[in-house]
Amino acid sequence: MPSVSLTNSPPEASPVPRVAGLDRAAWQSLCPNSGPFVHWDFLEALAETGCTGRESGWIPHPSFVSRNGEITAAAPAWLKHHSHGEFVFDWAWARAAMQAGLPWYPKLLIAAPFTPVTGPRLLVAPNDRASAERLVESFERTVEGNKLSSAGVNFCTVEDASVLSDAGWLARFDWQYHWRNEGYRDFDDFLSRFRRKARKNIRAERRKVFDAGWSFDWKDGNGLTSQEIDLVTRCYLTTFRMYGNRPSLNREFYAAAARGMGPKLLVCLARYHEEPQAAAVFWRDERRLYGRYWGSLTDTRDVHFEACYYQGIEYCLRHGSTSRPAITRGSSTACATAWNGSNPEPRASTRSGAASCRARRGLFTTFAIPGCAAPSPAICRPKARR
């Protein structure tokens, strides 16, 4: 198995074709509490069902570092031939490169595919910063050795950001809105934080849905039937295409994820007079609930909010009174959810510039760092690599 050495002179990066080429237990040992989106099973389900791969434009390129035959660092890396599914979009960079007569694709991206959720991207053993630094060096060698336009690390943790900053990569901030369980006893206790008019409006909105004949129930991956997986897929594809978006997932993926990840995959089924008509797809770990996809066979805004937001809050209150789970939504829903009790939080995202545009071939990126007080400028000048 190829590796990036920690002791020899700098070699070329030698990634494996996909995570299936790396030992599952070794990969998972580097990210035991990282959430579902860099989990070996999640990434392999995407690969085996064709959601990632050459035809999708997400070519798996996972890199790793080993010492004495033991993997000490790894990263979910991809060769990208477009910018779909990233949620930190670089279309302006691509247009600028095209106008300058420079190629923007392929590029190297280190990310969880189709997922705007912060988590570790430099998967390392505890307190092994040296391996993380070697991993970043391997990204730079991949860009240089393969004449790629750029490299990026999306939605990384503050620990990852520190390593990247010390390596000369530059930063940008972004924001998401998150709901957090602040020890609420139930939904009414949560509503008590609002003014009277807001409480009244939310209750009326929810009552309208139930009075119209809608009901909701939750299934995890272990409990989903084949027919329910069919429904989830139809709802997902219908809604994506209705709004002119490009669907990234397929039925085979949902079925593989249900088999491989079981209770980590959750679906809130919306039934109209007992007939399933819509579905909201969530993922969870030990502490958080992640709202990811919504799909409906009918057009109804109120059911959307109920299934994706209010039902998610109630799930957290039922299952996480001590673990303080959160609903995570992308910045695209910020306006819709801000007034409903979400709080803005800075998120990490990365993007690098075109190789042929670099000052002294210096690599530059953008990333947002959780915990910082204010956003930095959207784009920074390239900084010479050390």
Protein backbone atom coordinates (compact mmCIF):
# COMPACT_ATOMS: atom_id res chain seq x y z
CA MET A 1 0.00 0.00 0.00
CA PRO A 2 1.50 3.39 -0.92
CA SER A 3 2.17 5.95 1.80
CA VAL A 4 3.61 9.38 2.49
CA SER A 5 6.80 8.87 4.43
CA LEU A 6 7.65 10.84 7.56
CA THR A 7 11.36 10.17 7.41
CA ASN A 8 12.50 10.00 3.80
CA SER A 9 13.09 12.94 1.47
CA PRO A 10 9.76 14.44 0.29
CA PRO A 11 8.09 11.87 -2.00
CA GLU A 12 5.23 12.33 -4.40
CA ALA A 13 1.80 11.92 -2.87
CA SER A 14 0.57 8.38 -3.41
CA PRO A 15 -3.15 8.24 -2.63
CA VAL A 16 -5.26 5.11 -2.86
CA PRO A 17 -8.09 4.88 -5.42
CA ARG A 18 -10.80 5.22 -2.71
CA VAL A 19 -11.23 4.67 1.01
CA ALA A 20 -11.92 0.97 0.41
CA GLY A 21 -8.16 0.75 -0.24
CA LEU A 22 -7.51 1.74 3.37
CA ASP A 23 -8.23 -0.40 6.38
CA ARG A 24 -11.61 0.59 7.86
CA ALA A 25 -10.48 0.24 11.47
CA ALA A 26 -7.34 2.31 10.82
CA TRP A 27 -9.39 5.09 9.15
CA GLN A 28 -11.97 5.13 11.94
CA SER A 29 -9.31 5.20 14.64
CA LEU A 30 -8.26 8.63 13.32
CA CYS A 31 -11.80 10.09 13.51
CA PRO A 32 -13.74 8.31 16.27
CA ASN A 33 -15.90 11.35 17.15
CA SER A 34 -15.94 13.21 13.85
CA GLY A 35 -19.59 12.75 12.89
CA PRO A 36 -21.04 10.68 10.05
CA PHE A 37 -19.73 12.57 7.02
CA VAL A 38 -16.10 11.43 7.03
CA HIS A 39 -17.02 8.00 8.35
CA TRP A 40 -15.51 5.19 6.28
CA ASP A 41 -18.96 3.69 5.66
CA PHE A 42 -20.42 7.00 4.42
CA LEU A 43 -17.57 7.66 2.00
CA GLU A 44 -17.54 4.09 0.74
CA ALA A 45 -21.33 4.11 0.22
CA LEU A 46 -20.91 7.19 -2.00
CA ALA A 47 -18.16 5.46 -3.99
CA GLU A 48 -19.78 2.05 -4.45
CA THR A 49 -23.07 3.59 -5.67
CA GLY A 50 -21.47 5.96 -8.18
CA CYS A 51 -22.31 9.19 -6.31
CA THR A 52 -18.58 9.85 -6.26
CA GLY A 53 -16.27 8.68 -9.02
CA ARG A 54 -15.06 9.72 -12.44
CA GLU A 55 -18.52 10.14 -13.98
CA SER A 56 -19.73 12.35 -11.12
CA GLY A 57 -16.65 14.59 -11.23
CA TRP A 58 -15.73 13.60 -7.64
CA ILE A 59 -12.75 11.32 -8.20
CA PRO A 60 -11.63 9.79 -4.86
CA HIS A 61 -8.05 10.70 -4.05
CA PRO A 62 -7.69 9.92 -0.31
CA SER A 63 -4.21 10.55 1.05
CA PHE A 64 -2.57 9.17 4.14
CA VAL A 65 0.63 9.31 6.18
CA SER A 66 2.21 6.27 7.79
CA ARG A 67 4.95 5.66 10.29
CA ASN A 68 6.49 2.21 10.68
CA GLY A 69 3.63 0.71 8.70
CA GLU A 70 0.92 2.34 10.83
CA ILE A 71 -1.40 4.99 9.39
CA THR A 72 -1.09 8.15 11.48
CA ALA A 73 -3.00 10.63 9.29
CA ALA A 74 -5.49 10.55 6.42
CA ALA A 75 -7.75 12.91 4.49
CA PRO A 76 -10.91 12.57 2.35
CA ALA A 77 -9.49 14.18 -0.79
CA TRP A 78 -10.97 14.45 -4.29
CA LEU A 79 -9.97 15.49 -7.76
CA LYS A 80 -12.79 17.78 -8.89
CA HIS A 81 -13.81 18.63 -12.45
CA HIS A 82 -16.55 21.06 -11.39
CA SER A 83 -17.64 22.95 -8.28
CA HIS A 84 -20.99 21.28 -7.60
CA GLY A 85 -21.76 19.88 -4.15
CA GLU A 86 -19.19 21.93 -2.24
CA PHE A 87 -21.27 24.66 -0.54
CA VAL A 88 -18.22 26.95 -0.65
CA PHE A 89 -18.51 27.91 -4.25
CA ASP A 90 -15.63 29.17 -6.37
CA TRP A 91 -17.48 29.93 -9.59
CA ALA A 92 -16.05 33.48 -9.61
CA TRP A 93 -12.52 32.08 -9.39
CA ALA A 94 -13.28 29.66 -12.22
CA ARG A 95 -14.64 32.48 -14.42
CA ALA A 96 -11.63 34.69 -13.66
CA ALA A 97 -9.24 31.88 -14.53
CA MET A 98 -11.10 31.18 -17.78
CA GLN A 99 -10.99 34.87 -18.75
CA ALA A 100 -7.24 34.87 -18.08
CA GLY A 101 -6.81 31.80 -20.28
CA LEU A 102 -5.97 29.52 -17.32
CA PRO A 103 -7.51 26.12 -16.51
CA TRP A 104 -9.37 25.90 -13.19
CA TYR A 105 -10.23 22.19 -13.33
CA PRO A 106 -9.17 19.69 -12.20
CA LYS A 107 -8.51 20.89 -8.68
CA LEU A 108 -7.85 19.14 -5.38
CA LEU A 109 -10.54 19.33 -2.70
CA ILE A 110 -10.40 17.98 0.85
CA ALA A 111 -13.98 17.76 2.05
CA ALA A 112 -17.00 15.69 2.99
CA PRO A 113 -18.92 15.45 -0.32
CA PHE A 114 -22.21 17.33 -0.63
CA THR A 115 -22.06 18.35 3.04
CA PRO A 116 -21.75 21.85 4.58
CA VAL A 117 -20.96 20.48 8.06
CA THR A 118 -17.83 21.36 10.01
CA GLY A 119 -15.64 18.46 11.04
CA PRO A 120 -12.05 17.22 10.91
CA ARG A 121 -10.54 17.07 7.44
CA LEU A 122 -6.98 16.31 8.57
CA LEU A 123 -7.64 13.00 10.30
CA VAL A 124 -4.76 12.46 12.70
CA ALA A 125 -3.90 10.48 15.79
CA PRO A 126 -4.19 12.54 19.00
CA ASN A 127 -1.42 15.11 19.52
CA ASP A 128 0.35 14.16 16.29
CA ARG A 129 0.71 17.55 14.62
CA ALA A 130 3.74 16.35 12.65
CA SER A 131 1.58 13.90 10.70
CA ALA A 132 -0.99 16.62 9.98
CA GLU A 133 1.76 18.86 8.65
CA ARG A 134 3.06 16.08 6.39
CA LEU A 135 -0.48 15.58 5.12
CA VAL A 136 -0.75 19.25 4.15
CA GLU A 137 2.64 19.01 2.41
CA SER A 138 1.30 16.04 0.42
CA PHE A 139 -1.64 18.20 -0.77
CA GLU A 140 0.79 20.82 -2.04
CA ARG A 141 2.93 18.21 -3.78
CA THR A 142 -0.19 16.76 -5.42
CA VAL A 143 -1.08 20.20 -6.80
CA GLU A 144 2.45 20.87 -8.02
CA GLY A 145 3.19 17.38 -9.33
CA ASN A 146 -0.07 17.05 -11.24
CA LYS A 147 -0.28 20.68 -12.41
CA LEU A 148 -3.65 21.14 -10.71
CA SER A 149 -5.09 24.63 -10.45
CA SER A 150 -5.66 24.72 -6.72
CA ALA A 151 -6.31 22.94 -3.43
CA GLY A 152 -8.98 23.56 -0.84
CA VAL A 153 -10.10 22.28 2.54
CA ASN A 154 -13.81 22.84 3.21
CA PHE A 155 -15.53 23.18 6.60
CA CYS A 156 -12.50 22.24 8.68
CA THR A 157 -12.09 22.42 12.45
CA VAL A 158 -10.15 25.09 14.31
CA GLU A 159 -7.37 22.52 14.85
CA ASP A 160 -7.13 21.91 11.10
CA ALA A 161 -7.20 25.65 10.49
CA SER A 162 -4.22 26.16 12.79
CA VAL A 163 -2.13 23.63 10.84
CA LEU A 164 -3.15 25.16 7.50
CA SER A 165 -2.46 28.70 8.69
CA ASP A 166 1.01 27.75 9.89
CA ALA A 167 1.65 26.20 6.46
CA GLY A 168 0.89 29.55 4.80
CA TRP A 169 -2.70 28.96 3.74
CA LEU A 170 -5.00 31.98 4.04
CA ALA A 171 -8.41 32.33 5.67
CA ARG A 172 -12.00 33.39 4.95
CA PHE A 173 -15.02 33.22 7.25
CA ASP A 174 -18.55 32.06 6.56
CA TRP A 175 -21.63 31.68 8.76
CA GLN A 176 -24.32 29.10 9.46
CA TYR A 177 -27.33 29.13 11.74
CA HIS A 178 -27.51 26.37 14.36
CA TRP A 179 -30.21 25.45 16.84
CA ARG A 180 -28.94 24.29 20.21
CA ASN A 181 -30.73 22.60 23.05
CA GLU A 182 -30.17 24.90 26.02
CA GLY A 183 -31.73 22.44 28.43
CA TYR A 184 -35.34 22.96 27.31
CA ARG A 185 -37.84 20.62 28.96
CA ASP A 186 -40.06 20.45 25.87
CA PHE A 187 -41.13 22.46 22.82
CA ASP A 188 -43.26 24.84 24.87
CA ASP A 189 -40.27 25.55 27.09
CA PHE A 190 -38.27 26.36 23.95
CA LEU A 191 -41.04 28.69 22.76
CA SER A 192 -40.98 30.51 26.08
CA ARG A 193 -37.85 32.37 24.93
CA PHE A 194 -39.89 34.14 22.24
CA ARG A 195 -42.22 37.10 22.50
CA ARG A 196 -45.94 36.37 22.72
CA LYS A 197 -46.66 37.14 19.06
CA ALA A 198 -43.88 34.85 17.81
CA ARG A 199 -45.07 32.02 20.07
CA LYS A 200 -48.61 32.47 18.78
CA ASN A 201 -47.50 32.45 15.13
CA ILE A 202 -45.40 29.29 15.50
CA ARG A 203 -48.17 27.42 17.27
CA ALA A 204 -50.66 28.52 14.60
CA GLU A 205 -48.28 27.43 11.83
CA ARG A 206 -47.88 23.98 13.36
CA ARG A 207 -51.60 23.59 14.09
CA LYS A 208 -52.40 24.40 10.46
CA VAL A 209 -50.26 21.47 9.30
CA PHE A 210 -51.82 18.92 11.65
CA ASP A 211 -55.37 20.18 11.10
CA ALA A 212 -54.86 19.70 7.34
CA GLY A 213 -54.32 15.97 7.91
CA TRP A 214 -50.53 15.68 8.07
CA SER A 215 -48.72 13.36 10.50
CA PHE A 216 -45.04 12.58 11.03
CA ASP A 217 -43.00 9.60 12.12
CA TRP A 218 -39.30 8.83 12.32
CA LYS A 219 -37.38 5.86 10.94
CA ASP A 220 -33.69 5.09 11.18
CA GLY A 221 -31.67 3.15 8.65
CA ASN A 222 -32.38 -0.14 10.39
CA GLY A 223 -36.14 0.42 10.21
CA LEU A 224 -36.54 1.79 6.68
CA THR A 225 -38.37 -0.52 4.32
CA SER A 226 -37.56 -0.84 0.64
CA GLN A 227 -40.74 1.08 -0.20
CA GLU A 228 -39.76 3.90 2.16
CA ILE A 229 -36.29 4.12 0.57
CA ASP A 230 -38.08 4.39 -2.79
CA LEU A 231 -40.17 7.25 -1.38
CA VAL A 232 -37.16 9.09 0.04
CA THR A 233 -35.42 8.85 -3.33
CA ARG A 234 -38.48 10.04 -5.29
CA CYS A 235 -39.02 12.99 -2.95
CA TYR A 236 -35.34 13.95 -3.09
CA LEU A 237 -35.10 13.76 -6.89
CA THR A 238 -38.45 15.48 -7.47
CA THR A 239 -37.61 18.49 -5.30
CA PHE A 240 -34.07 18.89 -6.61
CA ARG A 241 -35.25 18.86 -10.21
CA MET A 242 -38.21 21.13 -9.46
CA TYR A 243 -35.80 23.88 -8.44
CA GLY A 244 -33.30 23.21 -11.22
CA ASN A 245 -30.67 21.71 -8.92
CA ARG A 246 -28.36 18.85 -9.68
CA PRO A 247 -29.13 15.74 -7.57
CA SER A 248 -25.99 14.07 -6.22
CA LEU A 249 -27.43 10.97 -4.55
CA ASN A 250 -29.39 7.96 -5.79
CA ARG A 251 -31.50 5.15 -4.42
CA GLU A 252 -28.53 2.82 -4.22
CA PHE A 253 -26.78 5.28 -1.91
CA TYR A 254 -29.73 5.58 0.48
CA ALA A 255 -30.03 1.79 0.59
CA ALA A 256 -26.29 1.34 1.20
CA ALA A 257 -26.26 4.04 3.88
CA ALA A 258 -29.24 2.44 5.63
CA ARG A 259 -27.44 -0.94 5.66
CA GLY A 260 -24.03 0.38 6.62
CA MET A 261 -24.85 3.20 9.03
CA GLY A 262 -28.16 2.07 10.54
CA PRO A 263 -29.13 4.43 13.40
CA LYS A 264 -26.94 7.27 12.11
CA LEU A 265 -29.32 7.76 9.15
CA LEU A 266 -32.73 9.18 10.10
CA VAL A 267 -35.78 10.01 8.01
CA CYS A 268 -38.80 12.02 9.13
CA LEU A 269 -41.68 10.78 6.97
CA ALA A 270 -44.57 13.19 6.35
CA ARG A 271 -47.91 11.51 5.69
CA TYR A 272 -51.02 13.19 4.30
CA HIS A 273 -54.07 11.28 5.56
CA GLU A 274 -51.72 8.33 6.21
CA GLU A 275 -50.27 8.44 2.67
CA PRO A 276 -46.49 9.19 2.59
CA GLN A 277 -45.94 12.36 0.57
CA ALA A 278 -42.67 13.92 1.80
CA ALA A 279 -39.48 13.15 3.69
CA ALA A 280 -36.73 15.00 5.52
CA VAL A 281 -33.36 13.24 5.70
CA PHE A 282 -31.19 13.70 8.78
CA TRP A 283 -27.97 12.23 10.11
CA ARG A 284 -26.92 12.02 13.72
CA ASP A 285 -23.98 11.25 15.93
CA GLU A 286 -23.78 11.01 19.71
CA ARG A 287 -24.39 14.74 20.21
CA ARG A 288 -25.88 16.31 17.09
CA LEU A 289 -28.68 16.01 14.61
CA TYR A 290 -27.81 17.18 11.09
CA GLY A 291 -30.66 18.23 8.81
CA ARG A 292 -29.58 17.53 5.25
CA TYR A 293 -32.26 16.95 2.61
CA TRP A 294 -35.93 17.67 2.05
CA GLY A 295 -38.13 16.30 -0.66
CA SER A 296 -41.85 16.34 -1.36
CA LEU A 297 -44.25 15.03 -3.95
CA THR A 298 -46.52 18.03 -3.24
CA ASP A 299 -45.72 21.72 -2.87
CA THR A 300 -46.35 22.90 0.70
CA ARG A 301 -44.16 25.32 2.65
CA ASP A 302 -45.69 24.65 6.05
CA VAL A 303 -44.96 20.92 5.89
CA HIS A 304 -41.39 21.70 4.87
CA PHE A 305 -40.81 23.76 8.01
CA GLU A 306 -42.56 21.24 10.24
CA ALA A 307 -40.61 18.22 8.95
CA CYS A 308 -37.21 19.84 8.63
CA TYR A 309 -37.19 22.20 11.58
CA TYR A 310 -39.85 21.73 14.26
CA GLN A 311 -39.81 17.93 14.11
CA GLY A 312 -36.00 18.05 14.32
CA ILE A 313 -36.16 20.21 17.44
CA GLU A 314 -38.63 17.85 19.05
CA TYR A 315 -36.39 14.89 18.18
CA CYS A 316 -33.49 16.61 19.92
CA LEU A 317 -35.61 17.35 22.97
CA ARG A 318 -36.75 13.72 23.18
CA HIS A 319 -33.32 12.19 22.69
CA GLY A 320 -30.79 14.76 23.84
CA SER A 321 -31.79 16.45 27.07
CA THR A 322 -28.31 15.89 28.47
CA SER A 323 -26.19 15.65 25.31
CA ARG A 324 -27.25 19.04 23.90
CA PRO A 325 -27.60 18.05 20.23
CA ALA A 326 -27.90 20.65 17.50
CA ILE A 327 -29.66 20.95 14.18
CA THR A 328 -27.18 22.04 11.54
CA ARG A 329 -28.42 23.81 8.43
CA GLY A 330 -26.47 25.48 5.66
CA SER A 331 -26.23 29.25 5.28
CA SER A 332 -28.77 29.09 2.44
CA THR A 333 -31.50 28.64 5.05
CA ALA A 334 -30.18 31.32 7.36
CA CYS A 335 -32.96 33.85 6.69
CA ALA A 336 -35.64 31.24 7.16
CA THR A 337 -34.35 29.86 10.44
CA ALA A 338 -32.77 32.82 12.21
CA TRP A 339 -36.03 34.05 13.73
CA ASN A 340 -36.91 30.55 14.92
CA GLY A 341 -34.25 30.34 17.60
CA SER A 342 -31.07 29.61 15.66
CA ASN A 343 -27.81 31.33 16.42
CA PRO A 344 -25.16 32.38 13.89
CA GLU A 345 -21.86 30.52 14.18
CA PRO A 346 -18.71 30.92 12.07
CA ARG A 347 -17.83 27.87 9.98
CA ALA A 348 -14.62 26.65 8.36
CA SER A 349 -14.20 26.48 4.58
CA THR A 350 -11.15 26.48 2.33
CA ARG A 351 -10.27 27.35 -1.23
CA SER A 352 -6.94 27.84 -2.97
CA GLY A 353 -6.02 29.89 -6.02
CA ALA A 354 -4.76 28.92 -9.45
CA ALA A 355 -1.25 27.50 -9.46
CA SER A 356 -0.15 29.64 -12.38
CA CYS A 357 -1.48 32.75 -10.62
CA ARG A 358 0.42 32.22 -7.39
CA ALA A 359 2.91 34.80 -6.20
CA ARG A 360 6.22 32.95 -6.12
CA ARG A 361 4.15 29.79 -6.50
CA GLY A 362 2.71 30.42 -3.03
CA LEU A 363 -0.37 28.39 -2.18
CA PHE A 364 -3.40 30.31 -0.91
CA THR A 365 -6.77 29.27 0.39
CA THR A 366 -9.79 30.53 2.25
CA PHE A 367 -11.24 29.01 5.40
CA ALA A 368 -13.61 30.04 8.15
CA ILE A 369 -12.60 29.29 11.73
CA PRO A 370 -15.25 28.34 14.31
CA GLY A 371 -15.05 30.49 17.42
CA CYS A 372 -13.81 33.69 15.80
CA ALA A 373 -15.78 36.83 16.43
CA ALA A 374 -16.13 38.41 13.01
CA PRO A 375 -15.77 37.52 9.34
CA SER A 376 -12.59 38.33 7.50
CA PRO A 377 -12.54 39.66 3.92
CA ALA A 378 -13.94 37.19 1.42
CA ILE A 379 -10.70 36.89 -0.55
CA CYS A 380 -7.11 37.29 0.58
CA ARG A 381 -4.00 37.94 -1.45
CA PRO A 382 -1.83 34.88 -2.04
CA LYS A 383 0.84 34.33 0.54
CA ALA A 384 4.19 32.84 -0.43
CA ARG A 385 4.58 29.27 0.75
CA ARG A 386 7.20 28.83 3.43
